[in-house]
Amino acid sequence: MPAAASTRPKARSTQSTAKRPVPLDRPYVPVQKRPLPAGRPREWYIDHNRRLKAMRLAIALLDLGFHTARQAPDEVVHMAAQLIGVHPPSPATCRMVRALLQTR
């Protein structure tokens, strides 16, 4: 008896976004902000906003071609913050950005 043919469709090859050129000439468009939930401790809001800022900065660094934590010292993170129009990050936020880049 002949072996049954596989009915699974072949996976299409896709190009990785890391290999595609990223257009840097388009302006940064901030996401529409929503109010945060009320009734949480102040530390929760500080941590939440720090995580959001670190994520925005990590995305900007990836778009600029900085793909490892070693490539992102504080000066580079500050440059990215200036580029996307946010206040300069604290040392804790810079560490968080490097941690995000390290986990990819």
Protein backbone atom coordinates (compact mmCIF):
# COMPACT_ATOMS: atom_id res chain seq x y z
CA MET A 1 0.00 0.00 0.00
CA PRO A 2 1.35 3.47 -0.82
CA ALA A 3 2.04 5.85 2.03
CA ALA A 4 -0.60 8.52 2.59
CA ALA A 5 0.33 11.91 1.20
CA SER A 6 0.59 14.74 3.65
CA THR A 7 -2.37 17.10 3.42
CA ARG A 8 -0.73 19.89 5.38
CA PRO A 9 -0.11 23.02 3.29
CA LYS A 10 3.50 24.05 2.93
CA ALA A 11 4.54 27.03 4.99
CA ARG A 12 5.30 30.06 2.90
CA SER A 13 8.66 31.65 3.47
CA THR A 14 8.39 35.16 4.82
CA GLN A 15 10.98 37.85 5.12
CA SER A 16 11.97 38.75 8.65
CA THR A 17 11.28 42.32 9.69
CA ALA A 18 14.86 42.48 11.00
CA LYS A 19 16.13 42.16 7.42
CA ARG A 20 13.77 44.69 5.89
CA PRO A 21 14.87 48.32 5.81
CA VAL A 22 12.89 50.42 8.25
CA PRO A 23 11.84 53.82 6.92
CA LEU A 24 13.08 56.36 9.46
CA ASP A 25 11.67 59.35 7.62
CA ARG A 26 8.09 58.79 8.75
CA PRO A 27 7.07 60.81 11.81
CA TYR A 28 6.48 59.21 15.18
CA VAL A 29 2.74 59.00 15.83
CA PRO A 30 1.90 58.57 19.51
CA VAL A 31 -0.81 56.11 20.50
CA GLN A 32 -4.02 57.64 21.78
CA LYS A 33 -3.89 57.67 25.56
CA ARG A 34 -6.62 56.29 27.79
CA PRO A 35 -7.16 57.08 31.46
CA LEU A 36 -5.59 54.65 33.91
CA PRO A 37 -7.81 52.77 36.37
CA ALA A 38 -8.45 54.66 39.59
CA GLY A 39 -7.80 53.44 43.10
CA ARG A 40 -4.35 51.90 42.72
CA PRO A 41 -1.31 52.82 44.84
CA ARG A 42 0.92 55.56 43.44
CA GLU A 43 3.80 53.08 42.93
CA TRP A 44 1.64 51.07 40.53
CA TYR A 45 1.14 54.11 38.28
CA ILE A 46 4.85 54.96 38.35
CA ASP A 47 5.83 51.38 37.44
CA HIS A 48 3.15 51.17 34.75
CA ASN A 49 4.27 54.39 33.05
CA ARG A 50 7.93 53.35 33.33
CA ARG A 51 7.17 50.04 31.59
CA LEU A 52 5.28 51.82 28.79
CA LYS A 53 8.14 54.27 28.27
CA ALA A 54 10.71 51.47 28.27
CA MET A 55 8.69 49.56 25.70
CA ARG A 56 8.41 52.63 23.43
CA LEU A 57 12.15 53.23 23.71
CA ALA A 58 13.00 49.58 23.04
CA ILE A 59 10.84 49.64 19.90
CA ALA A 60 12.52 52.84 18.74
CA LEU A 61 15.96 51.32 19.31
CA LEU A 62 15.00 48.20 17.37
CA ASP A 63 13.78 50.39 14.51
CA LEU A 64 17.11 52.24 14.59
CA GLY A 65 19.08 49.00 14.36
CA PHE A 66 20.15 48.49 17.97
CA HIS A 67 19.29 44.84 18.57
CA THR A 68 21.24 43.87 21.69
CA ALA A 69 21.46 45.24 25.19
CA ARG A 70 25.21 45.75 24.73
CA GLN A 71 24.51 48.21 21.90
CA ALA A 72 22.27 50.38 24.12
CA PRO A 73 24.17 52.31 26.77
CA ASP A 74 22.38 55.15 28.55
CA GLU A 75 23.53 57.70 25.94
CA VAL A 76 21.93 55.74 23.10
CA VAL A 77 18.67 55.32 25.05
CA HIS A 78 18.65 59.07 25.74
CA MET A 79 19.19 59.74 22.03
CA ALA A 80 16.22 57.50 21.19
CA ALA A 81 14.09 59.34 23.76
CA GLN A 82 14.96 62.65 22.19
CA LEU A 83 14.22 61.24 18.73
CA ILE A 84 10.70 60.06 19.63
CA GLY A 85 9.96 63.11 21.75
CA VAL A 86 9.77 61.83 25.32
CA HIS A 87 11.53 63.10 28.44
CA PRO A 88 15.00 61.67 29.10
CA PRO A 89 14.67 58.32 30.87
CA SER A 90 15.95 57.59 34.35
CA PRO A 91 18.71 55.03 34.93
CA ALA A 92 16.03 52.54 36.03
CA THR A 93 14.17 52.99 32.74
CA CYS A 94 17.40 52.58 30.78
CA ARG A 95 18.03 49.28 32.60
CA MET A 96 14.50 48.19 31.76
CA VAL A 97 15.05 49.02 28.07
CA ARG A 98 18.21 46.90 28.04
CA ALA A 99 16.33 44.06 29.74
CA LEU A 100 13.67 44.21 27.01
CA LEU A 101 16.33 44.13 24.29
CA GLN A 102 18.04 41.21 25.98
CA THR A 103 14.90 39.06 26.04
CA ARG A 104 14.25 39.09 22.33
